[in-house]
Each structure stands twice: as structure tokens, then as C-alpha cells.
Amino acid sequence: MAHPLAIITLLVLLFRLGLWLNKQRKTTAGRDAPAAGLVPRAELVEVGSEPGDPAARAALDAAKAGNWRPAAAYLSDGEGDWSTRYARMNPFGDLAATDDIWLWQWRKEHPDSPEAAQVHTGALVKRAWEIRTGKYASQVTREQAMGFHQVLQEAAEVSYEAIRLAPAGDPNAWVMQQSIALGQGWSHERYRALWAEIVAREPHHFGAHTAALQYWCEKWHGSTELMHEFADTAIAGAPAGSLLTVLKLRAYWEQVLRDKSAASLHCSAEYTAALDAALADLAAADPAHPGIAPASGWIAHGLIENGRPAQALNLFRRMGREIAGPWIYYGDPAAVFDAARTKAARAAA
């Protein structure tokens, strides 16, 4: 017969085990069930990878099946500003980077199509950067560098054709040259000449400004000072709702990325002011603005770093399935993005 003390000890251990299992179930449930209004982690996708516009999805599906005509009709639609029309191009360039049969057929049948030339440029740029990878130059192999520059030069040649075919006022063929300028290391003088062509046609182009900030940052062809100077100048001349205020948040992120000791900037008066300006800009923006999701992501990240995670929850809800902001640059975007959402939800609870 078991000793009474042994029985009591066993019962205590079983009780404690029950408490631990219950705690684990609650923790797992909290992790698997997102806060109200947030989609499950398994459904998250990177921003821009799945167009929300049904017409875009239908055109992409047709292109995958070899039919370029829906893409041509969709991309030649004159509705929307140039930033919006530029954003429409990206998924088709991404598709053509791996499957270009439909694009070559389009180019063969309509060699003077400006949209086809721009998609072609985007596809070659995408292919070139995939060869290079996003690593620092010191980590890129000789073979990768050679392949990168070869394909990027092909993109440059097509981009000049796209510029020739572009209708008056269309800046997007020039905007697409920015990635070429970045990779080929254009001088400041040459890049400024390219920038003048862009802003003469569209002074507040969202995608162009995002790309320009990369050129001017220290890790590419500028410096921390030039990067912040560019962001400040762009913001000073931009109307409410342009979302160019987000450039300042991105500039701070690039600065901290290069110098971890600068992380305290996120709690500075200057950063807080930049963050509040971005929030006001987002509130004034057209819901159809192509920068809504990216801006929401950068602002949500800023709020968390600024010690205001609860305010970020509605922005995460607004992003829906899309992972946007600096999280897309991590090795496992879904994991770090979901962790940020969880932090915001707990702070708001």
C-alpha cells in the first residue's frame, strides 16, 4: 500500500502539471488566434505580391496562360495618377521576370507599346537584382556580380526604348531607370539629371521618391546627411496626402540600420514629430493611393519603436493580409510582422 505522504506528493505534482498545461493551452490559443480584425499568420503575404484589384488578377492570370491582351488593356487604362499606374506595372514585371513568353508576343505584335516596353524594363531589372541578391557588395560573388551587370545593362537598353515610346507627361520610364542607376553606380550629377526628368513630369511620385531615398542613403551612393536632406526637401514641398512624410521614417530606419547606437533616435522629439506628421499625412491620403499599405507598415513600425504600440493596432488591421514596412526585409517577414502585431494587440488590450 502506498504511503500517504507519497500519495499527497503525487497529487500536488499532478495539480501543478494541470496548471502548467492549462497555461500552455492559453498561450498557444493566444498565439494562434489573432486579435479581432487581424488575419491569421498563415494567410499573410508580402505587400504587392497579390494584387487586390480583380482586373489586375484577371490580367495576370491571362498572362500566365499566354494571353497578353488583358494586361495591355489594364496597363493602358488612363485612370489614376502616374504613381498608381506605376504600381500597376510591378506585378507584371515580376511575372515576366520568370515567364516572359506572353510579353515577347506582346512586344512582337505591338512593338510601339510604351506599357510593354516598361514591363520589359521592369522584368529585366527584377531578374538582375535577383541574380545579385540583396547582400552587401562584399558578400556578392564574382559570378553574381557579372550576371547582375550584364542583365542590368540589358534593362538599361530597353529603358531607353521605353523612354522613347513614353507619351508626353509619363514619368514612369524614367522612374524605372532608378534601379538601374542604383546598380550601375551613376554619379550624383547623372542621377540628379534623371531626377529632374522625373519630377518635371510628376513632382510627388511615390515610387520614385522611395527609390531615390535608397540612392541617397549611405549604403549605396550617398550619406546619412544627403539622405535626410533629400527626405526633408521632398516633404517640404509635398501636399497633404502624398505620403512622402514616410520618407523621414525610412531615413531614420536606414540610419539605425547602419549604426545600432542610433536606435535611441526612435524616442527623440524629432522622430516623434516625423511620426505624427506621417500619421496626419496618412489620414489625409486617398484610400486608393498605392502607398497606403507601405506607409501604414512604416508608421506602425514607428509607433512601436516610439513606445506607442497600441496606436499601431488599427494600422495592422488596415493592412489586412499584407506584410508592409521594414518587416519585408527580414529573413522571415511573416514571423517578425506577426510578433509586431501581437505586441500592438497586447498593448491595446
Protein backbone atom coordinates (compact mmCIF):
# COMPACT_ATOMS: atom_id res chain seq x y z
CA MET A 1 0.00 0.00 0.00
CA ALA A 2 1.36 3.42 -0.99
CA HIS A 3 2.48 5.70 1.79
CA PRO A 4 0.01 8.61 2.41
CA LEU A 5 2.83 11.16 2.01
CA ALA A 6 3.74 9.73 -1.40
CA ILE A 7 0.10 9.97 -2.49
CA ILE A 8 -0.10 13.61 -1.36
CA THR A 9 3.15 14.42 -3.17
CA LEU A 10 1.83 12.78 -6.34
CA LEU A 11 -1.44 14.73 -6.15
CA VAL A 12 0.48 18.01 -5.73
CA LEU A 13 2.62 17.19 -8.75
CA LEU A 14 -0.44 16.31 -10.84
CA PHE A 15 -2.11 19.58 -9.78
CA ARG A 16 0.93 21.58 -10.77
CA LEU A 17 1.13 19.74 -14.10
CA GLY A 18 -2.51 20.58 -14.73
CA LEU A 19 -1.87 24.27 -14.07
CA TRP A 20 1.14 24.25 -16.40
CA LEU A 21 -0.79 22.52 -19.22
CA ASN A 22 -3.65 24.98 -18.85
CA LYS A 23 -1.22 27.89 -19.07
CA GLN A 24 0.36 26.37 -22.18
CA ARG A 25 -3.08 25.95 -23.81
CA LYS A 26 -3.90 29.60 -23.13
CA THR A 27 -0.53 30.74 -24.51
CA THR A 28 -0.94 28.65 -27.66
CA ALA A 29 -4.52 29.83 -28.12
CA GLY A 30 -3.37 33.43 -27.81
CA ARG A 31 -0.66 32.83 -30.35
CA ASP A 32 -2.86 31.01 -32.88
CA ALA A 33 -5.90 33.28 -32.57
CA PRO A 34 -5.03 36.84 -33.63
CA ALA A 35 -6.71 39.89 -32.18
CA ALA A 36 -10.05 40.86 -33.66
CA GLY A 37 -9.57 42.30 -37.12
CA LEU A 38 -6.19 40.64 -37.75
CA VAL A 39 -5.87 37.80 -40.23
CA PRO A 40 -4.13 34.57 -39.14
CA ARG A 41 -0.39 34.45 -39.68
CA ALA A 42 -0.71 31.62 -42.20
CA GLU A 43 -2.65 33.93 -44.54
CA LEU A 44 -0.09 36.77 -44.56
CA VAL A 45 1.56 37.76 -47.86
CA GLU A 46 4.19 40.37 -48.69
CA VAL A 47 2.86 43.69 -49.91
CA GLY A 48 2.23 43.78 -53.65
CA SER A 49 2.57 40.03 -54.16
CA GLU A 50 -1.17 39.56 -54.68
CA PRO A 51 -2.94 42.49 -56.39
CA GLY A 52 -6.20 43.38 -54.71
CA ASP A 53 -7.75 44.71 -57.93
CA PRO A 54 -9.84 41.94 -59.60
CA ALA A 55 -8.97 43.35 -63.04
CA ALA A 56 -5.25 43.03 -62.22
CA ARG A 57 -5.68 39.46 -61.02
CA ALA A 58 -7.61 38.53 -64.15
CA ALA A 59 -4.98 40.13 -66.39
CA LEU A 60 -2.17 38.33 -64.56
CA ASP A 61 -3.97 35.00 -64.83
CA ALA A 62 -4.44 35.59 -68.55
CA ALA A 63 -0.76 36.44 -68.98
CA LYS A 64 0.23 33.25 -67.17
CA ALA A 65 -1.91 31.39 -69.68
CA GLY A 66 -0.12 33.16 -72.55
CA ASN A 67 -2.69 35.85 -73.34
CA TRP A 68 -1.13 39.32 -73.14
CA ARG A 69 -4.17 41.33 -74.30
CA PRO A 70 -5.88 41.76 -70.88
CA ALA A 71 -2.59 43.03 -69.46
CA ALA A 72 -2.24 45.50 -72.31
CA ALA A 73 -5.77 46.78 -71.75
CA TYR A 74 -5.34 47.02 -68.00
CA LEU A 75 -1.99 48.82 -68.12
CA SER A 76 -3.02 51.26 -70.84
CA ASP A 77 -6.05 52.37 -68.82
CA GLY A 78 -5.55 56.10 -68.30
CA GLU A 79 -7.32 56.24 -64.93
CA GLY A 80 -5.29 57.11 -61.85
CA ASP A 81 -2.21 59.24 -61.35
CA TRP A 82 1.25 58.22 -62.50
CA SER A 83 2.16 56.73 -59.12
CA THR A 84 -0.85 54.42 -59.36
CA ARG A 85 -0.10 53.45 -62.93
CA TYR A 86 3.50 52.73 -61.97
CA ALA A 87 2.38 50.46 -59.12
CA ARG A 88 0.18 48.54 -61.56
CA MET A 89 3.23 47.65 -63.64
CA ASN A 90 5.14 45.90 -60.86
CA PRO A 91 3.28 42.55 -60.70
CA PHE A 92 3.51 42.16 -64.47
CA GLY A 93 7.25 42.87 -64.44
CA ASP A 94 7.65 40.33 -61.64
CA LEU A 95 5.74 37.73 -63.66
CA ALA A 96 7.74 38.42 -66.84
CA ALA A 97 10.98 38.01 -64.89
CA THR A 98 10.25 34.28 -64.70
CA ASP A 99 7.71 33.77 -67.51
CA ASP A 100 8.10 36.18 -70.43
CA ILE A 101 6.55 34.28 -73.36
CA TRP A 102 3.42 36.40 -73.22
CA LEU A 103 5.49 39.60 -73.01
CA TRP A 104 7.58 38.71 -76.06
CA GLN A 105 4.38 38.02 -78.00
CA TRP A 106 3.03 41.41 -76.92
CA ARG A 107 6.23 43.17 -77.93
CA LYS A 108 6.27 41.35 -81.28
CA GLU A 109 2.69 42.30 -82.17
CA HIS A 110 2.85 45.84 -80.73
CA PRO A 111 6.49 46.98 -80.81
CA ASP A 112 5.49 50.59 -80.13
CA SER A 113 3.57 49.88 -76.93
CA PRO A 114 5.01 52.03 -74.13
CA GLU A 115 3.44 49.79 -71.49
CA ALA A 116 5.06 46.67 -72.95
CA ALA A 117 8.46 48.40 -73.00
CA GLN A 118 8.06 49.46 -69.38
CA VAL A 119 7.04 45.96 -68.28
CA HIS A 120 10.04 44.60 -70.17
CA THR A 121 12.33 47.04 -68.36
CA GLY A 122 10.83 46.08 -65.00
CA ALA A 123 11.26 42.37 -65.74
CA LEU A 124 14.94 42.72 -66.59
CA VAL A 125 15.57 44.89 -63.53
CA LYS A 126 13.85 42.31 -61.34
CA ARG A 127 15.89 39.49 -62.90
CA ALA A 128 19.15 41.39 -62.46
CA TRP A 129 18.59 42.10 -58.77
CA GLU A 130 17.56 38.52 -58.13
CA ILE A 131 20.90 37.42 -59.57
CA ARG A 132 22.77 39.87 -57.39
CA THR A 133 20.65 39.24 -54.23
CA GLY A 134 20.16 41.89 -51.57
CA LYS A 135 23.50 41.28 -49.88
CA TYR A 136 26.18 43.90 -49.35
CA ALA A 137 28.65 44.22 -52.24
CA SER A 138 31.39 42.46 -50.25
CA GLN A 139 29.16 39.38 -49.97
CA VAL A 140 28.21 39.15 -53.66
CA THR A 141 30.22 36.57 -55.62
CA ARG A 142 32.10 37.44 -58.80
CA GLU A 143 29.69 35.33 -60.87
CA GLN A 144 26.67 37.05 -59.33
CA ALA A 145 28.18 40.47 -59.97
CA MET A 146 28.91 39.65 -63.60
CA GLY A 147 25.42 38.30 -64.23
CA PHE A 148 23.88 41.25 -62.44
CA HIS A 149 25.68 43.85 -64.54
CA GLN A 150 25.03 42.00 -67.77
CA VAL A 151 21.28 41.80 -67.25
CA LEU A 152 21.14 45.30 -65.79
CA GLN A 153 22.76 46.65 -68.96
CA GLU A 154 20.06 44.86 -70.98
CA ALA A 155 17.49 46.60 -68.79
CA ALA A 156 19.19 49.95 -69.43
CA GLU A 157 18.97 49.46 -73.18
CA VAL A 158 15.28 48.58 -73.01
CA SER A 159 14.65 51.52 -70.66
CA TYR A 160 15.90 53.96 -73.30
CA GLU A 161 13.43 52.43 -75.71
CA ALA A 162 10.69 52.81 -73.10
CA ILE A 163 11.60 56.48 -72.70
CA ARG A 164 11.38 56.98 -76.47
CA LEU A 165 7.93 55.40 -76.57
CA ALA A 166 6.55 57.13 -73.44
CA PRO A 167 3.70 59.57 -74.03
CA ALA A 168 4.17 63.19 -73.04
CA GLY A 169 3.96 63.65 -69.29
CA ASP A 170 4.56 59.98 -68.40
CA PRO A 171 7.46 59.78 -65.89
CA ASN A 172 7.39 56.02 -65.35
CA ALA A 173 10.00 55.01 -67.90
CA TRP A 174 12.42 57.37 -66.12
CA VAL A 175 11.30 56.11 -62.70
CA MET A 176 12.24 52.58 -63.76
CA GLN A 177 15.76 53.77 -64.53
CA GLN A 178 16.37 54.46 -60.86
CA SER A 179 17.07 50.81 -60.05
CA ILE A 180 19.48 50.76 -62.98
CA ALA A 181 21.19 53.90 -61.68
CA LEU A 182 21.49 52.31 -58.25
CA GLY A 183 23.08 49.13 -59.58
CA GLN A 184 25.36 50.80 -62.09
CA GLY A 185 26.52 53.41 -59.61
CA TRP A 186 25.54 56.52 -61.50
CA SER A 187 27.28 59.70 -60.37
CA HIS A 188 25.38 62.29 -58.36
CA GLU A 189 25.34 64.59 -61.36
CA ARG A 190 23.88 61.95 -63.66
CA TYR A 191 21.34 60.85 -61.07
CA ARG A 192 20.20 64.43 -60.48
CA ALA A 193 19.64 64.79 -64.23
CA LEU A 194 17.45 61.67 -64.14
CA TRP A 195 15.60 63.02 -61.11
CA ALA A 196 14.92 66.29 -62.93
CA GLU A 197 13.23 64.34 -65.74
CA ILE A 198 11.00 62.54 -63.23
CA VAL A 199 9.87 65.50 -61.12
CA ALA A 200 9.29 67.63 -64.21
CA ARG A 201 6.54 65.16 -65.08
CA GLU A 202 5.34 64.15 -61.60
CA PRO A 203 6.86 66.05 -58.63
CA HIS A 204 5.33 63.84 -55.91
CA HIS A 205 5.65 60.35 -57.43
CA PHE A 206 5.54 57.93 -54.50
CA GLY A 207 7.55 55.08 -56.03
CA ALA A 208 10.17 57.45 -57.42
CA HIS A 209 10.79 59.06 -54.04
CA THR A 210 11.05 55.68 -52.33
CA ALA A 211 13.70 54.60 -54.85
CA ALA A 212 15.55 57.92 -54.63
CA LEU A 213 15.92 57.61 -50.86
CA GLN A 214 17.79 54.36 -51.43
CA TYR A 215 20.18 56.01 -53.86
CA TRP A 216 20.97 58.79 -51.38
CA CYS A 217 21.46 56.55 -48.33
CA GLU A 218 24.93 55.67 -47.08
CA LYS A 219 24.85 52.01 -48.07
CA TRP A 220 24.52 52.96 -51.74
CA HIS A 221 25.74 56.23 -53.24
CA GLY A 222 25.01 58.92 -50.66
CA SER A 223 25.36 59.55 -46.96
CA THR A 224 23.19 59.93 -43.88
CA GLU A 225 23.24 63.70 -44.38
CA LEU A 226 22.29 63.54 -48.08
CA MET A 227 19.55 61.01 -47.34
CA HIS A 228 17.93 63.20 -44.67
CA GLU A 229 18.37 66.28 -46.85
CA PHE A 230 16.53 64.55 -49.69
CA ALA A 231 13.69 63.43 -47.41
CA ASP A 232 13.30 66.88 -45.84
CA THR A 233 13.22 68.62 -49.23
CA ALA A 234 10.65 66.18 -50.62
CA ILE A 235 8.38 66.53 -47.59
CA ALA A 236 8.61 70.32 -47.52
CA GLY A 237 7.12 70.63 -51.00
CA ALA A 238 4.56 67.83 -50.81
CA PRO A 239 0.80 68.29 -50.39
CA ALA A 240 -1.14 66.59 -47.59
CA GLY A 241 -1.97 63.03 -48.51
CA SER A 242 1.11 62.47 -50.67
CA LEU A 243 2.51 60.06 -48.04
CA LEU A 244 6.01 61.39 -48.69
CA THR A 245 6.31 62.08 -44.96
CA VAL A 246 7.08 58.36 -44.62
CA LEU A 247 10.45 59.06 -46.26
CA LYS A 248 11.66 60.52 -42.96
CA LEU A 249 10.75 57.35 -41.05
CA ARG A 250 12.56 55.28 -43.64
CA ALA A 251 15.59 57.56 -43.42
CA TYR A 252 15.79 57.07 -39.65
CA TRP A 253 15.47 53.30 -40.12
CA GLU A 254 18.34 53.30 -42.61
CA GLN A 255 20.41 55.35 -40.17
CA VAL A 256 19.78 52.95 -37.30
CA LEU A 257 20.45 50.00 -39.60
CA ARG A 258 23.95 51.39 -40.24
CA ASP A 259 24.56 52.49 -36.64
CA LYS A 260 22.79 50.46 -33.95
CA SER A 261 23.76 53.03 -31.33
CA ALA A 262 21.39 55.46 -33.08
CA ALA A 263 18.35 53.40 -32.00
CA SER A 264 17.60 56.00 -29.32
CA LEU A 265 16.56 58.32 -32.16
CA HIS A 266 13.24 56.47 -32.24
CA CYS A 267 12.28 58.14 -28.96
CA SER A 268 13.61 61.57 -29.84
CA ALA A 269 11.47 64.68 -30.25
CA GLU A 270 12.48 64.85 -33.92
CA TYR A 271 11.37 61.30 -34.64
CA THR A 272 8.12 61.75 -32.73
CA ALA A 273 7.36 64.86 -34.79
CA ALA A 274 8.12 62.98 -38.02
CA LEU A 275 5.87 60.12 -36.91
CA ASP A 276 2.98 62.44 -36.05
CA ALA A 277 3.37 64.16 -39.43
CA ALA A 278 3.18 60.79 -41.15
CA LEU A 279 0.03 59.87 -39.23
CA ALA A 280 -1.62 63.13 -40.34
CA ASP A 281 -0.47 62.52 -43.92
CA LEU A 282 -1.96 59.03 -43.87
CA ALA A 283 -5.27 60.37 -42.58
CA ALA A 284 -5.37 62.85 -45.49
CA ALA A 285 -4.46 60.33 -48.19
CA ASP A 286 -6.82 58.98 -50.83
CA PRO A 287 -7.73 55.39 -49.83
CA ALA A 288 -6.76 54.35 -53.36
CA HIS A 289 -3.22 55.75 -53.02
CA PRO A 290 -0.74 52.98 -53.95
CA GLY A 291 1.38 53.84 -50.91
CA ILE A 292 -1.30 53.21 -48.29
CA ALA A 293 -0.08 49.75 -47.27
CA PRO A 294 3.65 50.59 -47.27
CA ALA A 295 3.02 53.82 -45.37
CA SER A 296 0.84 52.01 -42.84
CA GLY A 297 3.62 49.49 -42.29
CA TRP A 298 6.32 52.08 -41.73
CA ILE A 299 4.12 54.13 -39.42
CA ALA A 300 3.10 51.04 -37.42
CA HIS A 301 6.76 50.16 -37.00
CA GLY A 302 7.49 53.73 -35.95
CA LEU A 303 4.75 53.72 -33.34
CA ILE A 304 6.11 50.53 -31.79
CA GLU A 305 9.67 51.89 -31.70
CA ASN A 306 8.35 55.19 -30.33
CA GLY A 307 6.73 53.41 -27.39
CA ARG A 308 3.15 53.71 -28.70
CA PRO A 309 2.36 50.14 -29.83
CA ALA A 310 -1.35 50.32 -29.00
CA GLN A 311 -1.79 53.01 -31.67
CA ALA A 312 -0.38 50.64 -34.27
CA LEU A 313 -3.16 48.06 -33.96
CA ASN A 314 -5.59 49.80 -36.31
CA LEU A 315 -2.84 50.14 -38.89
CA PHE A 316 -2.18 46.41 -38.75
CA ARG A 317 -5.90 45.85 -39.23
CA ARG A 318 -5.86 48.21 -42.20
CA MET A 319 -3.01 46.27 -43.82
CA GLY A 320 -5.06 43.07 -43.69
CA ARG A 321 -3.10 40.22 -45.24
CA GLU A 322 -0.24 42.37 -46.46
CA ILE A 323 3.13 42.47 -44.71
CA ALA A 324 4.38 46.01 -45.26
CA GLY A 325 7.04 48.26 -43.80
CA PRO A 326 10.56 47.24 -42.74
CA TRP A 327 9.46 43.71 -41.87
CA ILE A 328 9.64 42.68 -45.54
CA TYR A 329 13.44 42.99 -45.35
CA TYR A 330 13.82 40.28 -42.70
CA GLY A 331 14.56 36.64 -43.39
CA ASP A 332 11.16 35.53 -42.09
CA PRO A 333 8.85 38.54 -42.71
CA ALA A 334 5.70 36.77 -41.52
CA ALA A 335 7.26 35.88 -38.16
CA VAL A 336 8.58 39.34 -37.30
CA PHE A 337 5.46 41.04 -38.64
CA ASP A 338 3.22 38.78 -36.59
CA ALA A 339 5.32 39.42 -33.49
CA ALA A 340 4.85 43.16 -34.00
CA ARG A 341 1.08 42.71 -34.43
CA THR A 342 0.95 40.66 -31.24
CA LYS A 343 2.81 43.38 -29.34
CA ALA A 344 0.37 46.00 -30.60
CA ALA A 345 -2.66 43.87 -29.75
CA ARG A 346 -1.43 43.17 -26.21
CA ALA A 347 -0.72 46.86 -25.64
CA ALA A 348 -4.21 47.78 -26.82
CA ALA A 349 -5.95 45.08 -24.73
